[in-house]
C-alpha atoms as a PDB file:
ATOM      1  CA  MET A   1      20.474 -10.279 -12.336  1.00  0.00           C
ATOM      2  CA  TYR A   2      24.551 -10.700 -11.844  1.00  0.00           C
ATOM      3  CA  GLN A   3      27.768 -11.009 -13.611  1.00  0.00           C
ATOM      4  CA  VAL A   4      30.498 -13.008 -12.290  1.00  0.00           C
ATOM      5  CA  ILE A   5      33.694 -12.095 -13.172  1.00  0.00           C
ATOM      6  CA  PHE A   6      36.623 -14.589 -12.297  1.00  0.00           C
ATOM      7  CA  ILE A   7      40.333 -13.029 -11.918  1.00  0.00           C
ATOM      8  CA  ILE A   8      43.563 -14.762 -11.937  1.00  0.00           C
ATOM      9  CA  SER A   9      46.422 -13.691 -10.787  1.00  0.00           C
ATOM     10  CA  ILE A  10      49.486 -14.945 -10.481  1.00  0.00           C
ATOM     11  CA  PHE A  11      52.572 -13.845  -7.729  1.00  0.00           C
ATOM     12  CA  ASP A  12      55.654 -15.303  -8.613  1.00  0.00           C
ATOM     13  CA  GLY A  13      54.436 -18.555 -10.579  1.00  0.00           C
ATOM     14  CA  LEU A  14      53.223 -20.059  -7.488  1.00  0.00           C
ATOM     15  CA  MET A  15      50.148 -18.715  -6.237  1.00  0.00           C
ATOM     16  CA  ILE A  16      47.076 -18.712  -7.953  1.00  0.00           C
ATOM     17  CA  GLN A  17      44.415 -15.951  -6.237  1.00  0.00           C
ATOM     18  CA  ILE A  18      40.778 -16.217  -7.467  1.00  0.00           C
ATOM     19  CA  VAL A  19      38.969 -12.847  -6.983  1.00  0.00           C
ATOM     20  CA  THR A  20      35.277 -12.624  -7.557  1.00  0.00           C
ATOM     21  CA  SER A  21      33.529  -9.671  -8.032  1.00  0.00           C
ATOM     22  CA  ILE A  22      29.981  -9.181  -8.542  1.00  0.00           C
ATOM     23  CA  SER A  23      28.018  -6.290 -10.177  1.00  0.00           C
ATOM     24  CA  ARG A  24      24.805  -5.568 -10.665  1.00  0.00           C
ATOM     25  CA  ILE A  25      23.491  -5.188 -14.512  1.00  0.00           C
ATOM     26  CA  ILE A  26      20.144  -3.451 -14.933  1.00  0.00           C
ATOM     27  CA  PRO A  27      17.941  -5.459 -17.076  1.00  0.00           C
ATOM     28  CA  ASP A  28      17.147  -3.728 -20.276  1.00  0.00           C
ATOM     29  CA  PRO A  29      14.076  -2.383 -21.016  1.00  0.00           C
ATOM     30  CA  ASP A  30      11.059  -4.477 -23.107  1.00  0.00           C
ATOM     31  CA  HIS A  31       9.762  -1.223 -24.809  1.00  0.00           C
ATOM     32  CA  ILE A  32      11.141   2.491 -24.736  1.00  0.00           C
ATOM     33  CA  TRP A  33       8.420   5.587 -25.756  1.00  0.00           C
ATOM     34  CA  HIS A  34      10.106   8.810 -26.342  1.00  0.00           C
ATOM     35  CA  GLU A  35       7.326  12.102 -26.659  1.00  0.00           C
ATOM     36  CA  ALA A  36       8.589  15.547 -26.097  1.00  0.00           C
ATOM     37  CA  GLY A  37      11.827  15.140 -23.843  1.00  0.00           C
ATOM     38  CA  TRP A  38       9.878  12.626 -21.845  1.00  0.00           C
ATOM     39  CA  GLN A  39      11.161   8.425 -22.016  1.00  0.00           C
ATOM     40  CA  VAL A  40       8.976   5.968 -20.599  1.00  0.00           C
ATOM     41  CA  LYS A  41      10.555   2.735 -20.077  1.00  0.00           C
ATOM     42  CA  HIS A  42       8.744  -0.718 -19.836  1.00  0.00           C
ATOM     43  CA  PHE A  43       9.963  -3.697 -17.852  1.00  0.00           C
ATOM     44  CA  GLU A  44       8.725  -7.143 -17.363  1.00  0.00           C
ATOM     45  CA  GLY A  45       8.844  -9.097 -14.076  1.00  0.00           C
ATOM     46  CA  LEU A  46      11.364  -6.865 -12.194  1.00  0.00           C
ATOM     47  CA  GLN A  47      13.309  -8.335  -8.967  1.00  0.00           C
ATOM     48  CA  GLU A  48      14.706  -4.893  -8.648  1.00  0.00           C
ATOM     49  CA  THR A  49      14.322  -1.233  -9.227  1.00  0.00           C
ATOM     50  CA  PRO A  50      15.470   0.113 -12.477  1.00  0.00           C
ATOM     51  CA  ALA A  51      17.295   2.888 -11.683  1.00  0.00           C
ATOM     52  CA  ALA A  52      17.335   5.849  -8.837  1.00  0.00           C
ATOM     53  CA  MET A  53      13.976   7.209  -7.966  1.00  0.00           C
ATOM     54  CA  GLY A  54      13.008  10.884  -7.943  1.00  0.00           C
ATOM     55  CA  PHE A  55      10.698  10.592  -5.464  1.00  0.00           C
ATOM     56  CA  THR A  56       9.415   8.671  -2.495  1.00  0.00           C
ATOM     57  CA  PRO A  57       6.989   5.864  -3.678  1.00  0.00           C
ATOM     58  CA  CYS A  58       3.900   4.555  -1.849  1.00  0.00           C
ATOM     59  CA  LEU A  59       5.118   0.891  -0.436  1.00  0.00           C
ATOM     60  CA  TYR A  60       2.645  -0.723  -2.949  1.00  0.00           C
ATOM     61  CA  ASN A  61       4.536   0.740  -5.816  1.00  0.00           C
ATOM     62  CA  THR A  62       7.811  -0.543  -4.838  1.00  0.00           C
ATOM     63  CA  VAL A  63       9.831  -3.045  -6.432  1.00  0.00           C
ATOM     64  CA  PRO A  64       9.655  -5.405  -2.764  1.00  0.00           C
ATOM     65  CA  HIS A  65       6.421  -5.035  -2.502  1.00  0.00           C
ATOM     66  CA  LEU A  66       5.591  -6.315  -6.314  1.00  0.00           C
ATOM     67  CA  VAL A  67       7.361  -9.051  -5.876  1.00  0.00           C
ATOM     68  CA  THR A  68       5.454  -9.891  -2.907  1.00  0.00           C
ATOM     69  CA  GLN A  69       2.564  -9.652  -5.278  1.00  0.00           C
ATOM     70  CA  GLY A  70       3.568 -11.885  -7.665  1.00  0.00           C
ATOM     71  CA  SER A  71       5.913  -9.716 -10.040  1.00  0.00           C
ATOM     72  CA  ARG A  72       6.694 -12.050 -12.809  1.00  0.00           C
ATOM     73  CA  GLY A  73       3.606 -11.504 -14.229  1.00  0.00           C
ATOM     74  CA  ILE A  74       3.469  -7.886 -13.471  1.00  0.00           C
ATOM     75  CA  SER A  75       4.400  -4.787 -16.390  1.00  0.00           C
ATOM     76  CA  SER A  76       5.924  -1.461 -14.591  1.00  0.00           C
ATOM     77  CA  PHE A  77       6.190   1.093 -16.481  1.00  0.00           C
ATOM     78  CA  TYR A  78       8.109   4.625 -15.400  1.00  0.00           C
ATOM     79  CA  LEU A  79       9.038   7.599 -16.655  1.00  0.00           C
ATOM     80  CA  PHE A  80      12.214   9.378 -16.858  1.00  0.00           C
ATOM     81  CA  HIS A  81      12.983  13.163 -18.142  1.00  0.00           C
ATOM     82  CA  GLN A  82      16.156  13.592 -20.669  1.00  0.00           C
ATOM     83  CA  SER A  83      16.922  16.105 -18.132  1.00  0.00           C
ATOM     84  CA  GLY A  84      18.191  13.289 -16.180  1.00  0.00           C
ATOM     85  CA  PRO A  85      18.531   9.745 -14.793  1.00  0.00           C
ATOM     86  CA  ALA A  86      15.870   9.430 -11.913  1.00  0.00           C
ATOM     87  CA  ILE A  87      12.845   7.976 -12.580  1.00  0.00           C
ATOM     88  CA  VAL A  88       9.824  10.644 -11.764  1.00  0.00           C
ATOM     89  CA  ALA A  89       6.623   8.804 -12.174  1.00  0.00           C
ATOM     90  CA  LEU A  90       5.410   4.937 -12.482  1.00  0.00           C
ATOM     91  CA  LEU A  91       2.934   2.913 -12.939  1.00  0.00           C
ATOM     92  CA  HIS A  92       2.685  -0.926 -12.532  1.00  0.00           C
ATOM     93  CA  CYS A  93      -0.355  -3.540 -14.179  1.00  0.00           C
ATOM     94  CA  SER A  94      -1.378  -6.961 -14.929  1.00  0.00           C
ATOM     95  CA  GLU A  95      -3.696  -9.192 -16.545  1.00  0.00           C
ATOM     96  CA  GLN A  96      -6.100 -10.145 -14.198  1.00  0.00           C
ATOM     97  CA  GLU A  97      -8.398 -12.316 -16.368  1.00  0.00           C
ATOM     98  CA  LYS A  98      -8.411 -12.677 -20.346  1.00  0.00           C
ATOM     99  CA  GLY A  99      -8.208  -8.728 -22.077  1.00  0.00           C
ATOM    100  CA  SER A 100      -8.691  -7.509 -18.182  1.00  0.00           C
ATOM    101  CA  TRP A 101      -5.919  -5.459 -17.234  1.00  0.00           C
ATOM    102  CA  ILE A 102      -5.622  -3.813 -13.425  1.00  0.00           C
ATOM    103  CA  SER A 103      -3.171  -1.581 -11.219  1.00  0.00           C
ATOM    104  CA  PRO A 104      -2.370  -2.892  -8.914  1.00  0.00           C
ATOM    105  CA  SER A 105      -2.635  -7.028  -8.935  1.00  0.00           C
ATOM    106  CA  LYS A 106      -2.679  -7.247  -5.640  1.00  0.00           C
ATOM    107  CA  ALA A 107      -2.553  -4.379  -3.163  1.00  0.00           C
ATOM    108  CA  PRO A 108      -5.173  -1.721  -1.549  1.00  0.00           C
ATOM    109  CA  PHE A 109      -4.216   0.549  -4.711  1.00  0.00           C
ATOM    110  CA  GLY A 110      -2.609   1.650  -7.693  1.00  0.00           C
ATOM    111  CA  GLY A 111      -2.353   3.774 -10.348  1.00  0.00           C
ATOM    112  CA  VAL A 112       0.396   6.703 -11.007  1.00  0.00           C
ATOM    113  CA  GLU A 113       2.479   8.106  -8.514  1.00  0.00           C
ATOM    114  CA  SER A 114       4.756  10.533  -9.217  1.00  0.00           C
ATOM    115  CA  SER A 115       7.020  13.476  -8.235  1.00  0.00           C
ATOM    116  CA  PRO A 116       5.438  16.334  -7.238  1.00  0.00           C
ATOM    117  CA  ASP A 117       6.619  18.226 -10.108  1.00  0.00           C
ATOM    118  CA  CYS A 118       5.756  15.937 -12.917  1.00  0.00           C
ATOM    119  CA  PRO A 119       3.424  17.737 -15.321  1.00  0.00           C
ATOM    120  CA  LYS A 120       0.137  16.642 -15.869  1.00  0.00           C
ATOM    121  CA  GLU A 121       0.866  16.055 -20.056  1.00  0.00           C
ATOM    122  CA  ALA A 122       3.614  13.758 -18.832  1.00  0.00           C
ATOM    123  CA  LEU A 123       1.761  11.404 -16.601  1.00  0.00           C
ATOM    124  CA  THR A 124      -0.983  11.387 -19.489  1.00  0.00           C
ATOM    125  CA  PHE A 125       1.782  10.224 -21.927  1.00  0.00           C
ATOM    126  CA  LEU A 126       2.890   7.620 -19.616  1.00  0.00           C
ATOM    127  CA  ILE A 127      -0.771   5.900 -19.256  1.00  0.00           C
ATOM    128  CA  SER A 128      -0.758   6.332 -22.954  1.00  0.00           C
ATOM    129  CA  CYS A 129       2.505   4.146 -23.471  1.00  0.00           C
ATOM    130  CA  THR A 130       0.582   1.677 -20.829  1.00  0.00           C
ATOM    131  CA  GLU A 131      -2.828   1.416 -22.920  1.00  0.00           C
ATOM    132  CA  ALA A 132      -0.146   0.480 -25.695  1.00  0.00           C
ATOM    133  CA  LEU A 133       1.328  -2.101 -24.461  1.00  0.00           C
ATOM    134  CA  ILE A 134      -1.845  -3.581 -23.264  1.00  0.00           C
ATOM    135  CA  ILE A 135      -3.760  -3.507 -26.285  1.00  0.00           C
ATOM    136  CA  SER A 136      -0.415  -4.965 -28.168  1.00  0.00           C
ATOM    137  CA  ARG A 137      -1.500  -7.981 -25.686  1.00  0.00           C
ATOM    138  CA  GLY A 138      -4.748  -7.895 -27.017  1.00  0.00           C
ATOM    139  CA  GLY A 139      -5.682  -6.083 -24.023  1.00  0.00           C
ATOM    140  CA  TYR A 140      -9.205  -4.456 -24.128  1.00  0.00           C
ATOM    141  CA  ARG A 141      -9.847  -2.983 -20.752  1.00  0.00           C
ATOM    142  CA  PHE A 142      -8.155  -1.480 -17.673  1.00  0.00           C
ATOM    143  CA  THR A 143      -8.712  -0.925 -14.790  1.00  0.00           C
ATOM    144  CA  ILE A 144      -7.624   1.509 -12.141  1.00  0.00           C
ATOM    145  CA  LYS A 145      -7.723   1.404  -8.125  1.00  0.00           C
ATOM    146  CA  ALA A 146      -6.334   4.429  -6.868  1.00  0.00           C
ATOM    147  CA  PRO A 147      -5.927   5.792  -3.696  1.00  0.00           C
ATOM    148  CA  PRO A 148      -7.366   7.996  -1.763  1.00  0.00           C
ATOM    149  CA  LEU A 149      -6.736  11.753  -2.684  1.00  0.00           C
ATOM    150  CA  PHE A 150      -4.566  12.307   1.046  1.00  0.00           C
ATOM    151  CA  TYR A 151      -1.684   9.470  -0.452  1.00  0.00           C
ATOM    152  CA  LEU A 152      -1.225  11.697  -3.214  1.00  0.00           C
ATOM    153  CA  ALA A 153       0.999  14.263  -4.579  1.00  0.00           C
ATOM    154  CA  ALA A 154      -0.647  17.993  -5.372  1.00  0.00           C
ATOM    155  CA  ASN A 155      -0.633  17.396  -9.104  1.00  0.00           C
ATOM    156  CA  GLN A 156      -2.392  14.306  -8.964  1.00  0.00           C
ATOM    157  CA  THR A 157      -5.783  14.226  -7.935  1.00  0.00           C
ATOM    158  CA  SER A 158      -7.630  11.676  -9.929  1.00  0.00           C
ATOM    159  CA  ALA A 159     -10.927  12.399 -11.412  1.00  0.00           C
ATOM    160  CA  GLY A 160      -8.634  14.955 -13.404  1.00  0.00           C
ATOM    161  CA  LEU A 161      -6.146  13.564 -14.266  1.00  0.00           C
ATOM    162  CA  TYR A 162      -8.108   9.953 -15.335  1.00  0.00           C
ATOM    163  CA  SER A 163     -10.771  11.553 -17.113  1.00  0.00           C
ATOM    164  CA  SER A 164      -8.893  13.518 -19.217  1.00  0.00           C
ATOM    165  CA  CYS A 165      -7.203  10.187 -20.225  1.00  0.00           C
ATOM    166  CA  GLY A 166     -11.102   8.610 -21.233  1.00  0.00           C
ATOM    167  CA  TYR A 167     -11.533   6.856 -17.685  1.00  0.00           C
ATOM    168  CA  PHE A 168     -14.557   6.795 -15.819  1.00  0.00           C
ATOM    169  CA  MET A 169     -15.774   5.702 -12.150  1.00  0.00           C
ATOM    170  CA  HIS A 170     -16.481   2.722 -12.102  1.00  0.00           C
ATOM    171  CA  GLN A 171     -16.729   1.998  -7.884  1.00  0.00           C
ATOM    172  CA  GLN A 172     -16.974   4.336  -5.630  1.00  0.00           C
ATOM    173  CA  HIS A 173     -16.107   3.502  -1.585  1.00  0.00           C
ATOM    174  CA  VAL A 174     -16.418   6.285   1.356  1.00  0.00           C
ATOM    175  CA  ASN A 175     -13.162   6.074   3.090  1.00  0.00           C
ATOM    176  CA  HIS A 176     -12.208   7.695   6.554  1.00  0.00           C
ATOM    177  CA  CYS A 177      -8.727   8.941   7.757  1.00  0.00           C
ATOM    178  CA  ILE A 178      -8.086  10.722  10.600  1.00  0.00           C
ATOM    179  CA  PRO A 179      -5.934  13.851  10.341  1.00  0.00           C
ATOM    180  CA  VAL A 180      -3.357  13.860  12.895  1.00  0.00           C
ATOM    181  CA  THR A 181      -2.893  16.575  14.434  1.00  0.00           C
ATOM    182  CA  THR A 182      -0.749  18.276  18.030  1.00  0.00           C
ATOM    183  CA  ALA A 183      -4.376  17.496  19.291  1.00  0.00           C
ATOM    184  CA  ASP A 184      -5.182  14.622  21.359  1.00  0.00           C
ATOM    185  CA  PHE A 185      -7.065  11.716  20.096  1.00  0.00           C
ATOM    186  CA  GLU A 186     -10.090  12.231  22.565  1.00  0.00           C
ATOM    187  CA  SER A 187     -10.589  15.947  21.418  1.00  0.00           C
ATOM    188  CA  GLY A 188     -11.942  14.699  18.238  1.00  0.00           C
ATOM    189  CA  ILE A 189     -14.355  12.026  18.877  1.00  0.00           C
ATOM    190  CA  LEU A 190     -17.652  11.836  20.657  1.00  0.00           C
ATOM    191  CA  PRO A 191     -18.243  11.746  24.020  1.00  0.00           C
ATOM    192  CA  GLN A 192     -20.093   7.949  23.777  1.00  0.00           C
ATOM    193  CA  GLU A 193     -16.505   6.616  22.716  1.00  0.00           C
ATOM    194  CA  LYS A 194     -14.397   8.843  25.347  1.00  0.00           C
ATOM    195  CA  ARG A 195     -16.431   6.878  27.618  1.00  0.00           C
ATOM    196  CA  ARG A 196     -15.652   3.736  26.297  1.00  0.00           C
ATOM    197  CA  ILE A 197     -11.745   4.593  26.549  1.00  0.00           C
ATOM    198  CA  LYS A 198     -12.667   5.733  29.768  1.00  0.00           C
ATOM    199  CA  LYS A 199     -13.862   2.376  30.872  1.00  0.00           C
ATOM    200  CA  CYS A 200     -10.894   0.076  29.211  1.00  0.00           C
ATOM    201  CA  ARG A 201      -8.683   2.241  31.301  1.00  0.00           C
ATOM    202  CA  LYS A 202     -11.036   1.889  34.275  1.00  0.00           C
ATOM    203  CA  ALA A 203     -11.012  -1.937  34.265  1.00  0.00           C
ATOM    204  CA  GLY A 204      -6.691  -1.795  33.787  1.00  0.00           C
ATOM    205  CA  PHE A 205      -6.351  -2.381  29.764  1.00  0.00           C
ATOM    206  CA  ARG A 206      -3.177  -1.186  27.864  1.00  0.00           C
ATOM    207  CA  SER A 207      -2.461  -0.677  24.558  1.00  0.00           C
ATOM    208  CA  ALA A 208       1.237  -0.912  22.900  1.00  0.00           C
ATOM    209  CA  LEU A 209       3.055  -1.995  19.990  1.00  0.00           C
ATOM    210  CA  CYS A 210       3.094  -5.787  20.150  1.00  0.00           C
ATOM    211  CA  ASN A 211       5.835  -6.647  17.054  1.00  0.00           C
ATOM    212  CA  ASP A 212       7.148  -9.711  18.979  1.00  0.00           C
ATOM    213  CA  LEU A 213       3.562 -11.633  18.632  1.00  0.00           C
ATOM    214  CA  PRO A 214       4.099 -14.690  16.422  1.00  0.00           C
ATOM    215  CA  PRO A 215       3.166 -14.399  12.752  1.00  0.00           C
ATOM    216  CA  GLN A 216       1.055 -17.302  13.378  1.00  0.00           C
ATOM    217  CA  ASP A 217      -0.598 -16.238  16.662  1.00  0.00           C
ATOM    218  CA  ILE A 218      -1.732 -13.255  14.529  1.00  0.00           C
ATOM    219  CA  TYR A 219      -2.906 -14.833  11.823  1.00  0.00           C
ATOM    220  CA  ASN A 220      -5.069 -17.053  13.885  1.00  0.00           C
ATOM    221  CA  PHE A 221      -6.702 -14.185  15.871  1.00  0.00           C
ATOM    222  CA  LEU A 222      -7.609 -12.131  12.833  1.00  0.00           C
ATOM    223  CA  LYS A 223      -9.330 -15.515  11.284  1.00  0.00           C
ATOM    224  CA  ALA A 224     -11.084 -16.367  13.756  1.00  0.00           C
ATOM    225  CA  PHE A 225     -12.691 -12.846  14.434  1.00  0.00           C
ATOM    226  CA  ARG A 226     -13.409 -12.601  10.749  1.00  0.00           C
ATOM    227  CA  LEU A 227     -14.694 -16.124  10.255  1.00  0.00           C
ATOM    228  CA  GLN A 228     -17.412 -15.228  13.784  1.00  0.00           C
ATOM    229  CA  ARG A 229     -18.149 -11.894  11.587  1.00  0.00           C
ATOM    230  CA  GLY A 230     -18.944 -13.762   8.332  1.00  0.00           C
ATOM    231  CA  TYR A 231     -15.829 -12.561   6.575  1.00  0.00           C
ATOM    232  CA  THR A 232     -12.843 -13.808   5.040  1.00  0.00           C
ATOM    233  CA  LEU A 233      -9.064 -13.096   5.163  1.00  0.00           C
ATOM    234  CA  SER A 234      -7.924 -11.559   2.235  1.00  0.00           C
ATOM    235  CA  LEU A 235      -4.405 -13.545   2.468  1.00  0.00           C
ATOM    236  CA  SER A 236      -3.291 -16.316   3.359  1.00  0.00           C
ATOM    237  CA  ASP A 237      -1.403 -17.181   7.254  1.00  0.00           C
ATOM    238  CA  SER A 238       1.990 -18.021   4.356  1.00  0.00           C
ATOM    239  CA  GLU A 239       1.655 -14.011   3.123  1.00  0.00           C
ATOM    240  CA  LEU A 240       1.018 -12.298   6.532  1.00  0.00           C
ATOM    241  CA  THR A 241       3.911 -14.339   7.535  1.00  0.00           C
ATOM    242  CA  HIS A 242       5.886 -13.475   4.727  1.00  0.00           C
ATOM    243  CA  LEU A 243       4.723  -9.468   4.550  1.00  0.00           C
ATOM    244  CA  MET A 244       5.616  -9.415   7.884  1.00  0.00           C
ATOM    245  CA  LYS A 245       9.222 -10.772   7.634  1.00  0.00           C
ATOM    246  CA  THR A 246      10.022  -8.854   4.614  1.00  0.00           C
ATOM    247  CA  PHE A 247       8.551  -5.466   5.709  1.00  0.00           C
ATOM    248  CA  PRO A 248       9.258  -6.009   9.464  1.00  0.00           C
ATOM    249  CA  GLU A 249       9.138  -1.900   9.685  1.00  0.00           C
ATOM    250  CA  ARG A 250       6.469  -1.339   7.491  1.00  0.00           C
ATOM    251  CA  PHE A 251       3.644  -3.789   8.986  1.00  0.00           C
ATOM    252  CA  LEU A 252       3.083  -2.932  12.791  1.00  0.00           C
ATOM    253  CA  ILE A 253       1.048  -5.085  15.269  1.00  0.00           C
ATOM    254  CA  PHE A 254      -0.815  -2.900  17.793  1.00  0.00           C
ATOM    255  CA  GLY A 255      -2.651  -4.162  20.501  1.00  0.00           C
ATOM    256  CA  VAL A 256      -4.949  -3.926  23.650  1.00  0.00           C
ATOM    257  CA  MET A 257      -4.344  -6.245  26.504  1.00  0.00           C
ATOM    258  CA  ASP A 258      -6.183  -7.425  29.678  1.00  0.00           C
ATOM    259  CA  GLN A 259      -2.977  -8.536  31.739  1.00  0.00           C
ATOM    260  CA  ASN A 260      -1.543 -10.715  29.451  1.00  0.00           C
ATOM    261  CA  LYS A 261      -4.155 -11.356  27.381  1.00  0.00           C
ATOM    262  CA  ILE A 262      -5.245 -10.121  23.946  1.00  0.00           C
ATOM    263  CA  ILE A 263      -8.262  -8.944  23.500  1.00  0.00           C
ATOM    264  CA  ALA A 264      -7.656  -6.387  20.720  1.00  0.00           C
ATOM    265  CA  LEU A 265      -5.386  -5.867  17.733  1.00  0.00           C
ATOM    266  CA  THR A 266      -4.209  -4.946  14.593  1.00  0.00           C
ATOM    267  CA  ILE A 267      -1.997  -4.600  11.762  1.00  0.00           C
ATOM    268  CA  VAL A 268      -1.169  -1.428  10.702  1.00  0.00           C
ATOM    269  CA  VAL A 269       1.007  -0.182   7.388  1.00  0.00           C
ATOM    270  CA  THR A 270       3.179   2.688   7.244  1.00  0.00           C
ATOM    271  CA  ALA A 271       2.216   3.411   3.821  1.00  0.00           C
ATOM    272  CA  ASN A 272       4.415   6.190   2.952  1.00  0.00           C
ATOM    273  CA  ARG A 273       5.796   8.780   4.943  1.00  0.00           C
ATOM    274  CA  GLN A 274       2.253  10.756   5.624  1.00  0.00           C
ATOM    275  CA  VAL A 275      -0.023   7.918   5.898  1.00  0.00           C
ATOM    276  CA  VAL A 276      -0.603   4.852   8.484  1.00  0.00           C
ATOM    277  CA  TYR A 277      -3.106   2.348   7.139  1.00  0.00           C
ATOM    278  CA  ASN A 278      -4.885   0.373   9.861  1.00  0.00           C
ATOM    279  CA  PHE A 279      -5.331  -2.575   7.680  1.00  0.00           C
ATOM    280  CA  LEU A 280      -6.256  -5.410   9.738  1.00  0.00           C
ATOM    281  CA  ALA A 281      -8.562  -5.185  12.763  1.00  0.00           C
ATOM    282  CA  ALA A 282     -10.179  -7.814  15.274  1.00  0.00           C
ATOM    283  CA  ASP A 283     -11.153  -8.119  18.633  1.00  0.00           C
ATOM    284  CA  LEU A 284     -12.844 -10.621  20.970  1.00  0.00           C
ATOM    285  CA  PRO A 285     -16.763 -10.865  21.294  1.00  0.00           C
ATOM    286  CA  GLU A 286     -16.715 -11.209  24.912  1.00  0.00           C
ATOM    287  CA  TYR A 287     -15.187  -7.700  25.218  1.00  0.00           C
ATOM    288  CA  ARG A 288     -17.230  -5.828  22.937  1.00  0.00           C
ATOM    289  CA  SER A 289     -18.996  -3.991  25.474  1.00  0.00           C
ATOM    290  CA  PHE A 290     -15.929  -2.001  26.247  1.00  0.00           C
ATOM    291  CA  SER A 291     -15.109  -1.660  22.810  1.00  0.00           C
ATOM    292  CA  PRO A 292     -11.572  -1.897  22.968  1.00  0.00           C
ATOM    293  CA  VAL A 293     -10.904  -1.156  19.324  1.00  0.00           C
ATOM    294  CA  VAL A 294     -11.327   2.598  20.198  1.00  0.00           C
ATOM    295  CA  MET A 295      -8.260   2.206  22.753  1.00  0.00           C
ATOM    296  CA  LEU A 296      -6.389   0.469  20.162  1.00  0.00           C
ATOM    297  CA  THR A 297      -7.178   3.643  17.810  1.00  0.00           C
ATOM    298  CA  GLU A 298      -6.380   6.151  20.040  1.00  0.00           C
ATOM    299  CA  CYS A 299      -2.837   4.103  20.419  1.00  0.00           C
ATOM    300  CA  LEU A 300      -2.777   4.467  16.373  1.00  0.00           C
ATOM    301  CA  TYR A 301      -3.092   7.995  16.911  1.00  0.00           C
ATOM    302  CA  ARG A 302      -0.240   8.644  19.486  1.00  0.00           C
ATOM    303  CA  TYR A 303       1.919   6.547  17.298  1.00  0.00           C
ATOM    304  CA  CYS A 304       1.743   9.137  14.484  1.00  0.00           C
ATOM    305  CA  GLN A 305       1.795  11.912  16.425  1.00  0.00           C
ATOM    306  CA  LYS A 306       5.319  10.531  17.807  1.00  0.00           C
ATOM    307  CA  GLU A 307       6.346   9.465  14.508  1.00  0.00           C
ATOM    308  CA  ASN A 308       5.001  12.823  12.335  1.00  0.00           C
ATOM    309  CA  PHE A 309       2.439  11.010  10.250  1.00  0.00           C
ATOM    310  CA  LYS A 310       0.084  13.286   8.649  1.00  0.00           C
ATOM    311  CA  TYR A 311      -2.720  10.418   8.522  1.00  0.00           C
ATOM    312  CA  LEU A 312      -4.220   7.728   9.905  1.00  0.00           C
ATOM    313  CA  ASP A 313      -6.106   5.887   6.865  1.00  0.00           C
ATOM    314  CA  LEU A 314      -9.309   3.769   8.545  1.00  0.00           C
ATOM    315  CA  GLY A 315      -9.870   2.414   5.196  1.00  0.00           C
ATOM    316  CA  ILE A 316     -13.436   1.905   3.663  1.00  0.00           C
ATOM    317  CA  SER A 317     -16.214   0.570   4.959  1.00  0.00           C
ATOM    318  CA  LEU A 318     -17.987  -2.732   3.162  1.00  0.00           C
ATOM    319  CA  ASP A 319     -19.797  -5.678   4.896  1.00  0.00           C
ATOM    320  CA  HIS A 320     -18.858  -9.277   4.353  1.00  0.00           C
ATOM    321  CA  ASN A 321     -20.446  -9.494   0.672  1.00  0.00           C
ATOM    322  CA  GLY A 322     -18.503  -5.849  -0.246  1.00  0.00           C
ATOM    323  CA  HIS A 323     -21.174  -4.191   0.286  1.00  0.00           C
ATOM    324  CA  PHE A 324     -21.711  -0.550   2.001  1.00  0.00           C
ATOM    325  CA  LYS A 325     -21.561  -1.122   5.608  1.00  0.00           C
ATOM    326  CA  PRO A 326     -23.464   1.954   7.626  1.00  0.00           C
ATOM    327  CA  SER A 327     -22.868   1.488  11.034  1.00  0.00           C
ATOM    328  CA  LEU A 328     -19.286   0.958  10.486  1.00  0.00           C
ATOM    329  CA  ALA A 329     -18.725   4.397   9.027  1.00  0.00           C
ATOM    330  CA  ARG A 330     -20.759   5.902  11.404  1.00  0.00           C
ATOM    331  CA  PHE A 331     -18.089   3.926  13.984  1.00  0.00           C
ATOM    332  CA  LYS A 332     -15.529   5.512  11.725  1.00  0.00           C
ATOM    333  CA  LYS A 333     -16.965   8.908  11.959  1.00  0.00           C
ATOM    334  CA  ASN A 334     -17.392   8.671  15.536  1.00  0.00           C
ATOM    335  CA  ILE A 335     -13.650   8.400  16.350  1.00  0.00           C
ATOM    336  CA  GLY A 336     -12.666  11.416  14.258  1.00  0.00           C
ATOM    337  CA  GLY A 337     -12.776  10.019  10.781  1.00  0.00           C
ATOM    338  CA  GLN A 338     -13.804  12.063   7.865  1.00  0.00           C
ATOM    339  CA  GLU A 339     -14.975  11.345   5.234  1.00  0.00           C
ATOM    340  CA  GLY A 340     -13.483  10.886   1.441  1.00  0.00           C
ATOM    341  CA  GLU A 341     -13.907   8.399  -1.407  1.00  0.00           C
ATOM    342  CA  LYS A 342     -11.579   5.703  -3.084  1.00  0.00           C
ATOM    343  CA  VAL A 343     -12.357   5.283  -6.812  1.00  0.00           C
ATOM    344  CA  SER A 344     -11.535   2.538  -9.188  1.00  0.00           C
ATOM    345  CA  TYR A 345     -11.400   4.150 -12.661  1.00  0.00           C
ATOM    346  CA  VAL A 346     -12.173   1.887 -15.746  1.00  0.00           C
ATOM    347  CA  LYS A 347     -11.157   2.339 -19.644  1.00  0.00           C
ATOM    348  CA  PHE A 348     -12.269   0.267 -22.938  1.00  0.00           C
ATOM    349  CA  LEU A 349      -9.504   0.358 -24.850  1.00  0.00           C
ATOM    350  CA  SER A 350      -8.923   0.344 -28.952  1.00  0.00           C
END
């Protein structure tokens, strides 16, 4: 929200100068709760962050990304301590169906995110305030899609935080990530995967950052691959274009080329300071015998090393029906992925 102030100055009775001053006005919170030196403020449909952040949140929990999720229907809860003005924890959610609420609205994961030194009792207070608002709106169910543990601050082991607040596991998916070390990529993969990289190199393939590719070409490549595999894309071409233009430094394109022909590509997201998420990958079926995705993953790993990321998130392994796909999980393990969990929690409110 902005306020425009017009100041009229008269110099010697001859000249009128109009000076326009634009100052930012933070909207008032819709609700405020207090407890033991902590304060939770609730806002609806934010278009900008209401205060300074005391930590750097994951991309999906920033207001600019919330806007791409349809922020006008999103309720945002921010935790403050009386000792300072900065936000120390947050939680965003929205009503998915009548009475059923979810965090996040439209992102890989949501839930509570906080500064590393925020105590558990304060996070519990933040959750209880969120539940109170949901109940006041007639909500009876709250689902939280938590991130894999390597995204979280040390105090936020999801199972401990959410179970202590009365939540139980609703869905549990196998998630793989590659820890990024000083060792080269090939040191952590199986011999057959090393042979596939060698085969790609022998064929003259090269891998690189490809951010100059037109978004429509990227979308068409991904869509053709997923249709051939029986999958659908989770976003439209306009949504993908908007994300790439809004976050050009966070949504990156990597590809494998046979001369000037793209044979494999992926969109990755620099989700936070530690993690690069391999969001959407695809390759041409006629090059399947080369398995260029292995060379592509090596390129991502090297990028993570160069930019000092700690984890390359390979995501969960599901088929086109949303069921666990063992062959995909096995492939991720073969290329160095370590198995973990991605859990959704649910609570029935009363």
